PDB file of N, CA and C in Angstrom:
ATOM      1  N   MET A   1      16.551  14.296 -11.287  1.00  0.00           N
ATOM      2  CA  MET A   1      16.775  12.903 -10.951  1.00  0.00           C
ATOM      3  C   MET A   1      15.458  12.134 -11.049  1.00  0.00           C
ATOM      4  N   ILE A   2      15.501  10.977 -11.678  1.00  0.00           N
ATOM      5  CA  ILE A   2      14.309  10.172 -11.906  1.00  0.00           C
ATOM      6  C   ILE A   2      13.678   9.737 -10.583  1.00  0.00           C
ATOM      7  N   GLY A   3      14.493   9.351  -9.633  1.00  0.00           N
ATOM      8  CA  GLY A   3      13.975   8.896  -8.340  1.00  0.00           C
ATOM      9  C   GLY A   3      13.133   9.953  -7.657  1.00  0.00           C
ATOM     10  N   ARG A   4      13.580  11.195  -7.706  1.00  0.00           N
ATOM     11  CA  ARG A   4      12.806  12.290  -7.091  1.00  0.00           C
ATOM     12  C   ARG A   4      11.479  12.478  -7.798  1.00  0.00           C
ATOM     13  N   ARG A   5      11.490  12.344  -9.130  1.00  0.00           N
ATOM     14  CA  ARG A   5      10.231  12.478  -9.877  1.00  0.00           C
ATOM     15  C   ARG A   5       9.265  11.363  -9.492  1.00  0.00           C
ATOM     16  N   ILE A   6       9.782  10.164  -9.327  1.00  0.00           N
ATOM     17  CA  ILE A   6       8.918   9.048  -8.924  1.00  0.00           C
ATOM     18  C   ILE A   6       8.303   9.339  -7.560  1.00  0.00           C
ATOM     19  N   ALA A   7       9.115   9.800  -6.623  1.00  0.00           N
ATOM     20  CA  ALA A   7       8.613  10.110  -5.281  1.00  0.00           C
ATOM     21  C   ALA A   7       7.560  11.214  -5.344  1.00  0.00           C
ATOM     22  N   LEU A   8       7.808  12.235  -6.158  1.00  0.00           N
ATOM     23  CA  LEU A   8       6.868  13.339  -6.287  1.00  0.00           C
ATOM     24  C   LEU A   8       5.550  12.860  -6.886  1.00  0.00           C
ATOM     25  N   LEU A   9       5.629  12.100  -7.958  1.00  0.00           N
ATOM     26  CA  LEU A   9       4.419  11.592  -8.605  1.00  0.00           C
ATOM     27  C   LEU A   9       3.656  10.648  -7.675  1.00  0.00           C
ATOM     28  N   ARG A  10       4.385   9.833  -6.951  1.00  0.00           N
ATOM     29  CA  ARG A  10       3.759   8.915  -5.993  1.00  0.00           C
ATOM     30  C   ARG A  10       2.987   9.700  -4.942  1.00  0.00           C
ATOM     31  N   ALA A  11       3.626  10.720  -4.388  1.00  0.00           N
ATOM     32  CA  ALA A  11       2.987  11.528  -3.350  1.00  0.00           C
ATOM     33  C   ALA A  11       1.768  12.264  -3.902  1.00  0.00           C
ATOM     34  N   ARG A  12       1.871  12.774  -5.120  1.00  0.00           N
ATOM     35  CA  ARG A  12       0.738  13.478  -5.727  1.00  0.00           C
ATOM     36  C   ARG A  12      -0.446  12.559  -5.970  1.00  0.00           C
ATOM     37  N   ARG A  13      -0.176  11.292  -6.166  1.00  0.00           N
ATOM     38  CA  ARG A  13      -1.252  10.320  -6.367  1.00  0.00           C
ATOM     39  C   ARG A  13      -1.761   9.769  -5.031  1.00  0.00           C
ATOM     40  N   GLY A  14      -1.125  10.190  -3.942  1.00  0.00           N
ATOM     41  CA  GLY A  14      -1.592   9.788  -2.621  1.00  0.00           C
ATOM     42  C   GLY A  14      -1.148   8.406  -2.182  1.00  0.00           C
ATOM     43  N   PHE A  15      -0.124   7.863  -2.828  1.00  0.00           N
ATOM     44  CA  PHE A  15       0.381   6.542  -2.466  1.00  0.00           C
ATOM     45  C   PHE A  15       1.528   6.654  -1.474  1.00  0.00           C
ATOM     46  N   THR A  16       1.576   5.740  -0.531  1.00  0.00           N
ATOM     47  CA  THR A  16       2.769   5.579   0.289  1.00  0.00           C
ATOM     48  C   THR A  16       3.728   4.716  -0.519  1.00  0.00           C
ATOM     49  N   GLN A  17       4.971   4.650  -0.071  1.00  0.00           N
ATOM     50  CA  GLN A  17       5.913   3.749  -0.751  1.00  0.00           C
ATOM     51  C   GLN A  17       5.413   2.309  -0.678  1.00  0.00           C
ATOM     52  N   THR A  18       4.877   1.929   0.459  1.00  0.00           N
ATOM     53  CA  THR A  18       4.388   0.555   0.642  1.00  0.00           C
ATOM     54  C   THR A  18       3.267   0.241  -0.340  1.00  0.00           C
ATOM     55  N   GLU A  19       2.331   1.189  -0.507  1.00  0.00           N
ATOM     56  CA  GLU A  19       1.206   0.963  -1.414  1.00  0.00           C
ATOM     57  C   GLU A  19       1.665   0.850  -2.866  1.00  0.00           C
ATOM     58  N   LEU A  20       2.550   1.749  -3.283  1.00  0.00           N
ATOM     59  CA  LEU A  20       3.025   1.688  -4.662  1.00  0.00           C
ATOM     60  C   LEU A  20       3.865   0.438  -4.888  1.00  0.00           C
ATOM     61  N   ALA A  21       4.703   0.108  -3.931  1.00  0.00           N
ATOM     62  CA  ALA A  21       5.522  -1.099  -4.068  1.00  0.00           C
ATOM     63  C   ALA A  21       4.640  -2.332  -4.240  1.00  0.00           C
ATOM     64  N   LYS A  22       3.561  -2.400  -3.478  1.00  0.00           N
ATOM     65  CA  LYS A  22       2.646  -3.537  -3.585  1.00  0.00           C
ATOM     66  C   LYS A  22       2.018  -3.591  -4.978  1.00  0.00           C
ATOM     67  N   LYS A  23       1.611  -2.413  -5.502  1.00  0.00           N
ATOM     68  CA  LYS A  23       1.042  -2.365  -6.857  1.00  0.00           C
ATOM     69  C   LYS A  23       2.037  -2.856  -7.903  1.00  0.00           C
ATOM     70  N   LEU A  24       3.320  -2.597  -7.635  1.00  0.00           N
ATOM     71  CA  LEU A  24       4.368  -2.973  -8.589  1.00  0.00           C
ATOM     72  C   LEU A  24       4.897  -4.376  -8.357  1.00  0.00           C
ATOM     73  N   GLY A  25       4.468  -5.007  -7.256  1.00  0.00           N
ATOM     74  CA  GLY A  25       4.938  -6.356  -6.952  1.00  0.00           C
ATOM     75  C   GLY A  25       6.374  -6.385  -6.454  1.00  0.00           C
ATOM     76  N   MET A  26       6.759  -5.348  -5.711  1.00  0.00           N
ATOM     77  CA  MET A  26       8.106  -5.306  -5.148  1.00  0.00           C
ATOM     78  C   MET A  26       8.019  -4.912  -3.680  1.00  0.00           C
ATOM     79  N   SER A  27       9.125  -4.948  -3.001  1.00  0.00           N
ATOM     80  CA  SER A  27       9.155  -4.565  -1.591  1.00  0.00           C
ATOM     81  C   SER A  27       9.302  -3.048  -1.460  1.00  0.00           C
ATOM     82  N   GLN A  28       8.869  -2.533  -0.319  1.00  0.00           N
ATOM     83  CA  GLN A  28       9.007  -1.097  -0.060  1.00  0.00           C
ATOM     84  C   GLN A  28      10.475  -0.675  -0.026  1.00  0.00           C
ATOM     85  N   PRO A  29      11.376  -1.453   0.611  1.00  0.00           N
ATOM     86  CA  PRO A  29      12.785  -1.039   0.601  1.00  0.00           C
ATOM     87  C   PRO A  29      13.372  -0.946  -0.816  1.00  0.00           C
ATOM     88  N   LEU A  30      12.928  -1.829  -1.704  1.00  0.00           N
ATOM     89  CA  LEU A  30      13.419  -1.777  -3.083  1.00  0.00           C
ATOM     90  C   LEU A  30      12.928  -0.508  -3.775  1.00  0.00           C
ATOM     91  N   LEU A  31      11.647  -0.173  -3.608  1.00  0.00           N
ATOM     92  CA  LEU A  31      11.124   1.058  -4.193  1.00  0.00           C
ATOM     93  C   LEU A  31      11.863   2.265  -3.621  1.00  0.00           C
ATOM     94  N   SER A  32      12.139   2.243  -2.341  1.00  0.00           N
ATOM     95  CA  SER A  32      12.878   3.329  -1.703  1.00  0.00           C
ATOM     96  C   SER A  32      14.244   3.514  -2.358  1.00  0.00           C
ATOM     97  N   ARG A  33      14.903   2.430  -2.679  1.00  0.00           N
ATOM     98  CA  ARG A  33      16.223   2.520  -3.326  1.00  0.00           C
ATOM     99  C   ARG A  33      16.113   3.141  -4.718  1.00  0.00           C
ATOM    100  N   TYR A  34      15.031   2.826  -5.449  1.00  0.00           N
ATOM    101  CA  TYR A  34      14.811   3.464  -6.753  1.00  0.00           C
ATOM    102  C   TYR A  34      14.584   4.960  -6.564  1.00  0.00           C
ATOM    103  N   GLU A  35      13.759   5.324  -5.581  1.00  0.00           N
ATOM    104  CA  GLU A  35      13.452   6.738  -5.352  1.00  0.00           C
ATOM    105  C   GLU A  35      14.683   7.523  -4.907  1.00  0.00           C
ATOM    106  N   ARG A  36      15.572   6.893  -4.189  1.00  0.00           N
ATOM    107  CA  ARG A  36      16.798   7.571  -3.753  1.00  0.00           C
ATOM    108  C   ARG A  36      17.860   7.601  -4.846  1.00  0.00           C
ATOM    109  N   GLY A  37      17.603   6.933  -5.955  1.00  0.00           N
ATOM    110  CA  GLY A  37      18.547   6.929  -7.065  1.00  0.00           C
ATOM    111  C   GLY A  37      19.679   5.932  -6.889  1.00  0.00           C
ATOM    112  N   GLU A  38      19.523   5.003  -5.961  1.00  0.00           N
ATOM    113  CA  GLU A  38      20.561   4.001  -5.742  1.00  0.00           C
ATOM    114  C   GLU A  38      20.536   2.910  -6.807  1.00  0.00           C
ATOM    115  N   LEU A  39      19.370   2.701  -7.413  1.00  0.00           N
ATOM    116  CA  LEU A  39      19.218   1.695  -8.461  1.00  0.00           C
ATOM    117  C   LEU A  39      18.715   2.369  -9.732  1.00  0.00           C
ATOM    118  N   ARG A  40      19.150   1.845 -10.861  1.00  0.00           N
ATOM    119  CA  ARG A  40      18.711   2.370 -12.149  1.00  0.00           C
ATOM    120  C   ARG A  40      17.450   1.644 -12.589  1.00  0.00           C
ATOM    121  N   LEU A  41      16.553   2.408 -13.176  1.00  0.00           N
ATOM    122  CA  LEU A  41      15.305   1.837 -13.676  1.00  0.00           C
ATOM    123  C   LEU A  41      15.535   1.129 -15.003  1.00  0.00           C
ATOM    124  N   HIS A  42      14.841   0.032 -15.213  1.00  0.00           N
ATOM    125  CA  HIS A  42      14.855  -0.628 -16.517  1.00  0.00           C
ATOM    126  C   HIS A  42      13.544  -0.295 -17.229  1.00  0.00           C
ATOM    127  N   GLY A  43      13.503  -0.476 -18.511  1.00  0.00           N
ATOM    128  CA  GLY A  43      12.361  -0.073 -19.325  1.00  0.00           C
ATOM    129  C   GLY A  43      11.032  -0.623 -18.863  1.00  0.00           C
ATOM    130  N   ALA A  44      10.990  -1.902 -18.511  1.00  0.00           N
ATOM    131  CA  ALA A  44       9.724  -2.502 -18.078  1.00  0.00           C
ATOM    132  C   ALA A  44       9.223  -1.836 -16.800  1.00  0.00           C
ATOM    133  N   LEU A  45      10.135  -1.485 -15.900  1.00  0.00           N
ATOM    134  CA  LEU A  45       9.728  -0.841 -14.649  1.00  0.00           C
ATOM    135  C   LEU A  45       9.213   0.570 -14.911  1.00  0.00           C
ATOM    136  N   VAL A  46       9.819   1.275 -15.847  1.00  0.00           N
ATOM    137  CA  VAL A  46       9.321   2.606 -16.207  1.00  0.00           C
ATOM    138  C   VAL A  46       7.880   2.492 -16.691  1.00  0.00           C
ATOM    139  N   ALA A  47       7.618   1.505 -17.532  1.00  0.00           N
ATOM    140  CA  ALA A  47       6.259   1.298 -18.050  1.00  0.00           C
ATOM    141  C   ALA A  47       5.294   0.939 -16.916  1.00  0.00           C
ATOM    142  N   GLU A  48       5.719   0.092 -15.987  1.00  0.00           N
ATOM    143  CA  GLU A  48       4.866  -0.294 -14.856  1.00  0.00           C
ATOM    144  C   GLU A  48       4.583   0.908 -13.956  1.00  0.00           C
ATOM    145  N   LEU A  49       5.600   1.724 -13.716  1.00  0.00           N
ATOM    146  CA  LEU A  49       5.414   2.925 -12.901  1.00  0.00           C
ATOM    147  C   LEU A  49       4.440   3.882 -13.580  1.00  0.00           C
ATOM    148  N   ALA A  50       4.592   4.065 -14.878  1.00  0.00           N
ATOM    149  CA  ALA A  50       3.702   4.963 -15.619  1.00  0.00           C
ATOM    150  C   ALA A  50       2.251   4.498 -15.494  1.00  0.00           C
ATOM    151  N   THR A  51       2.038   3.217 -15.604  1.00  0.00           N
ATOM    152  CA  THR A  51       0.688   2.671 -15.475  1.00  0.00           C
ATOM    153  C   THR A  51       0.163   2.849 -14.052  1.00  0.00           C
ATOM    154  N   ALA A  52       0.971   2.484 -13.073  1.00  0.00           N
ATOM    155  CA  ALA A  52       0.542   2.571 -11.674  1.00  0.00           C
ATOM    156  C   ALA A  52       0.265   4.005 -11.241  1.00  0.00           C
ATOM    157  N   LEU A  53       1.039   4.950 -11.769  1.00  0.00           N
ATOM    158  CA  LEU A  53       0.890   6.359 -11.379  1.00  0.00           C
ATOM    159  C   LEU A  53       0.007   7.153 -12.338  1.00  0.00           C
ATOM    160  N   ALA A  54      -0.450   6.503 -13.397  1.00  0.00           N
ATOM    161  CA  ALA A  54      -1.329   7.127 -14.396  1.00  0.00           C
ATOM    162  C   ALA A  54      -0.697   8.389 -14.993  1.00  0.00           C
ATOM    163  N   VAL A  55       0.563   8.262 -15.404  1.00  0.00           N
ATOM    164  CA  VAL A  55       1.280   9.355 -16.053  1.00  0.00           C
ATOM    165  C   VAL A  55       2.017   8.789 -17.262  1.00  0.00           C
ATOM    166  N   PRO A  56       2.354   9.636 -18.227  1.00  0.00           N
ATOM    167  CA  PRO A  56       3.155   9.152 -19.357  1.00  0.00           C
ATOM    168  C   PRO A  56       4.572   8.786 -18.885  1.00  0.00           C
ATOM    169  N   SER A  57       5.164   7.803 -19.496  1.00  0.00           N
ATOM    170  CA  SER A  57       6.529   7.411 -19.124  1.00  0.00           C
ATOM    171  C   SER A  57       7.511   8.554 -19.343  1.00  0.00           C
ATOM    172  N   ASP A  58       7.232   9.429 -20.318  1.00  0.00           N
ATOM    173  CA  ASP A  58       8.093  10.594 -20.549  1.00  0.00           C
ATOM    174  C   ASP A  58       8.177  11.483 -19.314  1.00  0.00           C
ATOM    175  N   GLU A  59       7.097  11.540 -18.550  1.00  0.00           N
ATOM    176  CA  GLU A  59       7.089  12.355 -17.337  1.00  0.00           C
ATOM    177  C   GLU A  59       7.994  11.738 -16.267  1.00  0.00           C
ATOM    178  N   ILE A  60       7.984  10.428 -16.174  1.00  0.00           N
ATOM    179  CA  ILE A  60       8.858   9.744 -15.214  1.00  0.00           C
ATOM    180  C   ILE A  60      10.317   9.956 -15.598  1.00  0.00           C
ATOM    181  N   LEU A  61      10.599   9.886 -16.885  1.00  0.00           N
ATOM    182  CA  LEU A  61      11.971  10.010 -17.372  1.00  0.00           C
ATOM    183  C   LEU A  61      12.469  11.451 -17.420  1.00  0.00           C
ATOM    184  N   GLY A  62      11.562  12.404 -17.214  1.00  0.00           N
ATOM    185  CA  GLY A  62      11.963  13.805 -17.243  1.00  0.00           C
ATOM    186  C   GLY A  62      12.022  14.392 -18.632  1.00  0.00           C
ATOM    187  N   LEU A  63      11.439  13.705 -19.606  1.00  0.00           N
ATOM    188  CA  LEU A  63      11.428  14.212 -20.979  1.00  0.00           C
ATOM    189  C   LEU A  63      10.341  15.261 -21.175  1.00  0.00           C
ATOM    190  N   THR A  64       9.333  15.210 -20.318  1.00  0.00           N
ATOM    191  CA  THR A  64       8.310  16.249 -20.273  1.00  0.00           C
ATOM    192  C   THR A  64       8.218  16.721 -18.832  1.00  0.00           C
ATOM    193  N   GLU A  65       7.785  17.956 -18.664  1.00  0.00           N
ATOM    194  CA  GLU A  65       7.717  18.539 -17.332  1.00  0.00           C
ATOM    195  C   GLU A  65       6.601  17.895 -16.512  1.00  0.00           C
ATOM    196  N   THR A  66       6.877  17.656 -15.256  1.00  0.00           N
ATOM    197  CA  THR A  66       5.865  17.131 -14.345  1.00  0.00           C
ATOM    198  C   THR A  66       4.872  18.244 -14.067  1.00  0.00           C
ATOM    199  N   LYS A  67       3.607  17.943 -14.302  1.00  0.00           N
ATOM    200  CA  LYS A  67       2.566  18.954 -14.148  1.00  0.00           C
ATOM    201  C   LYS A  67       1.776  18.680 -12.883  1.00  0.00           C
ATOM    202  N   ASP A  68       1.401  19.755 -12.224  1.00  0.00           N
ATOM    203  CA  ASP A  68       0.593  19.637 -11.017  1.00  0.00           C
ATOM    204  C   ASP A  68      -0.829  19.231 -11.369  1.00  0.00           C
ATOM    205  N   ASN A  69      -1.357  19.785 -12.462  1.00  0.00           N
ATOM    206  CA  ASN A  69      -2.708  19.484 -12.933  1.00  0.00           C
ATOM    207  C   ASN A  69      -3.762  19.591 -11.843  1.00  0.00           C
ATOM    208  N   GLY A  70      -3.577  20.494 -10.905  1.00  0.00           N
ATOM    209  CA  GLY A  70      -4.559  20.668  -9.843  1.00  0.00           C
ATOM    210  C   GLY A  70      -4.631  19.484  -8.907  1.00  0.00           C
ATOM    211  N   ALA A  71      -3.551  18.739  -8.815  1.00  0.00           N
ATOM    212  CA  ALA A  71      -3.543  17.554  -7.960  1.00  0.00           C
ATOM    213  C   ALA A  71      -3.818  17.939  -6.513  1.00  0.00           C
ATOM    214  N   VAL A  72      -4.547  17.070  -5.846  1.00  0.00           N
ATOM    215  CA  VAL A  72      -4.871  17.280  -4.442  1.00  0.00           C
ATOM    216  C   VAL A  72      -3.608  17.043  -3.623  1.00  0.00           C
ATOM    217  N   LYS A  73      -3.275  17.998  -2.766  1.00  0.00           N
ATOM    218  CA  LYS A  73      -2.059  17.891  -1.977  1.00  0.00           C
ATOM    219  C   LYS A  73      -2.291  17.230  -0.618  1.00  0.00           C
ATOM    220  N   ASP A  74      -3.532  17.233  -0.145  1.00  0.00           N
ATOM    221  CA  ASP A  74      -3.883  16.640   1.138  1.00  0.00           C
ATOM    222  C   ASP A  74      -4.147  15.143   0.919  1.00  0.00           C
ATOM    223  N   ARG A  75      -3.284  14.304   1.439  1.00  0.00           N
ATOM    224  CA  ARG A  75      -3.414  12.857   1.204  1.00  0.00           C
ATOM    225  C   ARG A  75      -4.730  12.299   1.718  1.00  0.00           C
ATOM    226  N   ARG A  76      -5.163  12.801   2.860  1.00  0.00           N
ATOM    227  CA  ARG A  76      -6.417  12.293   3.435  1.00  0.00           C
ATOM    228  C   ARG A  76      -7.584  12.608   2.501  1.00  0.00           C
ATOM    229  N   LEU A  77      -7.606  13.818   1.973  1.00  0.00           N
ATOM    230  CA  LEU A  77      -8.661  14.210   1.048  1.00  0.00           C
ATOM    231  C   LEU A  77      -8.591  13.378  -0.234  1.00  0.00           C
ATOM    232  N   LEU A  78      -7.391  13.143  -0.715  1.00  0.00           N
ATOM    233  CA  LEU A  78      -7.223  12.328  -1.915  1.00  0.00           C
ATOM    234  C   LEU A  78      -7.732  10.911  -1.689  1.00  0.00           C
ATOM    235  N   ARG A  79      -7.407  10.330  -0.543  1.00  0.00           N
ATOM    236  CA  ARG A  79      -7.879   8.976  -0.239  1.00  0.00           C
ATOM    237  C   ARG A  79      -9.402   8.925  -0.147  1.00  0.00           C
ATOM    238  N   LEU A  80      -9.997   9.948   0.453  1.00  0.00           N
ATOM    239  CA  LEU A  80     -11.456   9.998   0.529  1.00  0.00           C
ATOM    240  C   LEU A  80     -12.063  10.087  -0.862  1.00  0.00           C
ATOM    241  N   ALA A  81     -11.462  10.905  -1.723  1.00  0.00           N
ATOM    242  CA  ALA A  81     -11.957  11.029  -3.099  1.00  0.00           C
ATOM    243  C   ALA A  81     -11.865   9.686  -3.826  1.00  0.00           C
ATOM    244  N   GLN A  82     -10.800   8.945  -3.594  1.00  0.00           N
ATOM    245  CA  GLN A  82     -10.647   7.632  -4.222  1.00  0.00           C
ATOM    246  C   GLN A  82     -11.692   6.654  -3.700  1.00  0.00           C
ATOM    247  N   GLU A  83     -11.986   6.725  -2.404  1.00  0.00           N
ATOM    248  CA  GLU A  83     -13.016   5.856  -1.829  1.00  0.00           C
ATOM    249  C   GLU A  83     -14.392   6.221  -2.374  1.00  0.00           C
ATOM    250  N   ILE A  84     -14.664   7.517  -2.491  1.00  0.00           N
ATOM    251  CA  ILE A  84     -15.943   7.961  -3.048  1.00  0.00           C
ATOM    252  C   ILE A  84     -16.082   7.466  -4.476  1.00  0.00           C
ATOM    253  N   ASP A  85     -15.011   7.518  -5.239  1.00  0.00           N
ATOM    254  CA  ASP A  85     -15.050   7.084  -6.636  1.00  0.00           C
ATOM    255  C   ASP A  85     -15.385   5.600  -6.771  1.00  0.00           C
ATOM    256  N   ARG A  86     -15.120   4.818  -5.742  1.00  0.00           N
ATOM    257  CA  ARG A  86     -15.406   3.377  -5.786  1.00  0.00           C
ATOM    258  C   ARG A  86     -16.831   3.038  -5.342  1.00  0.00           C
ATOM    259  N   LEU A  87     -17.575   4.039  -4.860  1.00  0.00           N
ATOM    260  CA  LEU A  87     -18.947   3.801  -4.410  1.00  0.00           C
ATOM    261  C   LEU A  87     -19.864   3.514  -5.599  1.00  0.00           C
ATOM    262  N   PRO A  88     -20.984   2.849  -5.332  1.00  0.00           N
ATOM    263  CA  PRO A  88     -21.982   2.698  -6.401  1.00  0.00           C
ATOM    264  C   PRO A  88     -22.434   4.075  -6.884  1.00  0.00           C
ATOM    265  N   ARG A  89     -22.819   4.157  -8.140  1.00  0.00           N
ATOM    266  CA  ARG A  89     -23.153   5.424  -8.779  1.00  0.00           C
ATOM    267  C   ARG A  89     -24.170   6.247  -7.974  1.00  0.00           C
ATOM    268  N   GLN A  90     -25.222   5.610  -7.506  1.00  0.00           N
ATOM    269  CA  GLN A  90     -26.272   6.327  -6.778  1.00  0.00           C
ATOM    270  C   GLN A  90     -25.725   6.918  -5.472  1.00  0.00           C
ATOM    271  N   ASP A  91     -24.937   6.147  -4.739  1.00  0.00           N
ATOM    272  CA  ASP A  91     -24.346   6.646  -3.492  1.00  0.00           C
ATOM    273  C   ASP A  91     -23.368   7.791  -3.768  1.00  0.00           C
ATOM    274  N   LYS A  92     -22.600   7.625  -4.837  1.00  0.00           N
ATOM    275  CA  LYS A  92     -21.617   8.657  -5.202  1.00  0.00           C
ATOM    276  C   LYS A  92     -22.331   9.976  -5.515  1.00  0.00           C
ATOM    277  N   ARG A  93     -23.389   9.904  -6.310  1.00  0.00           N
ATOM    278  CA  ARG A  93     -24.133  11.117  -6.666  1.00  0.00           C
ATOM    279  C   ARG A  93     -24.704  11.801  -5.423  1.00  0.00           C
ATOM    280  N   ALA A  94     -25.283  11.009  -4.524  1.00  0.00           N
ATOM    281  CA  ALA A  94     -25.875  11.574  -3.308  1.00  0.00           C
ATOM    282  C   ALA A  94     -24.805  12.265  -2.465  1.00  0.00           C
ATOM    283  N   LEU A  95     -23.675  11.648  -2.325  1.00  0.00           N
ATOM    284  CA  LEU A  95     -22.602  12.228  -1.521  1.00  0.00           C
ATOM    285  C   LEU A  95     -22.047  13.500  -2.165  1.00  0.00           C
ATOM    286  N   ILE A  96     -21.891  13.490  -3.467  1.00  0.00           N
ATOM    287  CA  ILE A  96     -21.401  14.673  -4.176  1.00  0.00           C
ATOM    288  C   ILE A  96     -22.389  15.832  -4.033  1.00  0.00           C
ATOM    289  N   ARG A  97     -23.698  15.540  -4.148  1.00  0.00           N
ATOM    290  CA  ARG A  97     -24.707  16.598  -3.952  1.00  0.00           C
ATOM    291  C   ARG A  97     -24.615  17.168  -2.535  1.00  0.00           C
ATOM    292  N   THR A  98     -24.423  16.308  -1.558  1.00  0.00           N
ATOM    293  CA  THR A  98     -24.299  16.756  -0.178  1.00  0.00           C
ATOM    294  C   THR A  98     -23.084  17.662  -0.006  1.00  0.00           C
ATOM    295  N   ILE A  99     -21.968  17.270  -0.568  1.00  0.00           N
ATOM    296  CA  ILE A  99     -20.743  18.079  -0.478  1.00  0.00           C
ATOM    297  C   ILE A  99     -20.941  19.423  -1.165  1.00  0.00           C
ATOM    298  N   GLU A 100     -21.552  19.399  -2.355  1.00  0.00           N
ATOM    299  CA  GLU A 100     -21.793  20.648  -3.074  1.00  0.00           C
ATOM    300  C   GLU A 100     -22.687  21.591  -2.268  1.00  0.00           C
ATOM    301  N   GLN A 101     -23.727  21.058  -1.668  1.00  0.00           N
ATOM    302  CA  GLN A 101     -24.618  21.888  -0.847  1.00  0.00           C
ATOM    303  C   GLN A 101     -23.884  22.449   0.359  1.00  0.00           C
ATOM    304  N   TYR A 102     -23.047  21.648   0.975  1.00  0.00           N
ATOM    305  CA  TYR A 102     -22.265  22.122   2.119  1.00  0.00           C
ATOM    306  C   TYR A 102     -21.359  23.273   1.688  1.00  0.00           C
ATOM    307  N   LEU A 103     -20.673  23.107   0.583  1.00  0.00           N
ATOM    308  CA  LEU A 103     -19.765  24.146   0.114  1.00  0.00           C
ATOM    309  C   LEU A 103     -20.494  25.434  -0.248  1.00  0.00           C
ATOM    310  N   LYS A 104     -21.676  25.309  -0.835  1.00  0.00           N
ATOM    311  CA  LYS A 104     -22.466  26.514  -1.140  1.00  0.00           C
ATOM    312  C   LYS A 104     -22.855  27.238   0.137  1.00  0.00           C
ATOM    313  N   GLY A 105     -23.218  26.485   1.149  1.00  0.00           N
ATOM    314  CA  GLY A 105     -23.616  27.079   2.425  1.00  0.00           C
ATOM    315  C   GLY A 105     -22.440  27.673   3.175  1.00  0.00           C
ATOM    316  N   ALA A 106     -21.259  27.115   2.940  1.00  0.00           N
ATOM    317  CA  ALA A 106     -20.058  27.610   3.619  1.00  0.00           C
ATOM    318  C   ALA A 106     -19.461  28.805   2.880  1.00  0.00           C
ATOM    319  N   HIS A 107     -20.026  29.132   1.713  1.00  0.00           N
ATOM    320  CA  HIS A 107     -19.562  30.262   0.895  1.00  0.00           C
ATOM    321  C   HIS A 107     -18.088  30.138   0.506  1.00  0.00           C
ATOM    322  N   VAL A 108     -17.702  28.915   0.182  1.00  0.00           N
ATOM    323  CA  VAL A 108     -16.335  28.669  -0.279  1.00  0.00           C
ATOM    324  C   VAL A 108     -16.307  28.904  -1.776  1.00  0.00           C
ATOM    325  N   PRO A 109     -15.375  29.717  -2.268  1.00  0.00           N
ATOM    326  CA  PRO A 109     -15.334  30.009  -3.715  1.00  0.00           C
ATOM    327  C   PRO A 109     -14.993  28.783  -4.524  1.00  0.00           C
TER     328      PRO A 109
END
């Protein structure tokens, strides 16, 4: 079902329904109805969803398999990664070096 794929892709990208709905210029209840399969998607919306979720439209339509691609499953961690990505380059590099050093010291594989 297309609605389930949308919900899965949304969750993998770390978006709430409210956040994705805002990106799409619609209300959260309307997005919820699409995800539950109560409403049929039109072509323009498929394209907008693909752009907002950074996936090919074929993946939304189920023409290609949805891939995990090592997606972060912890929403909090994903949000932090997105915030780090928005930092100035110098701050981002410093923070990444700090994280790498912490992980080396923690002996995490």
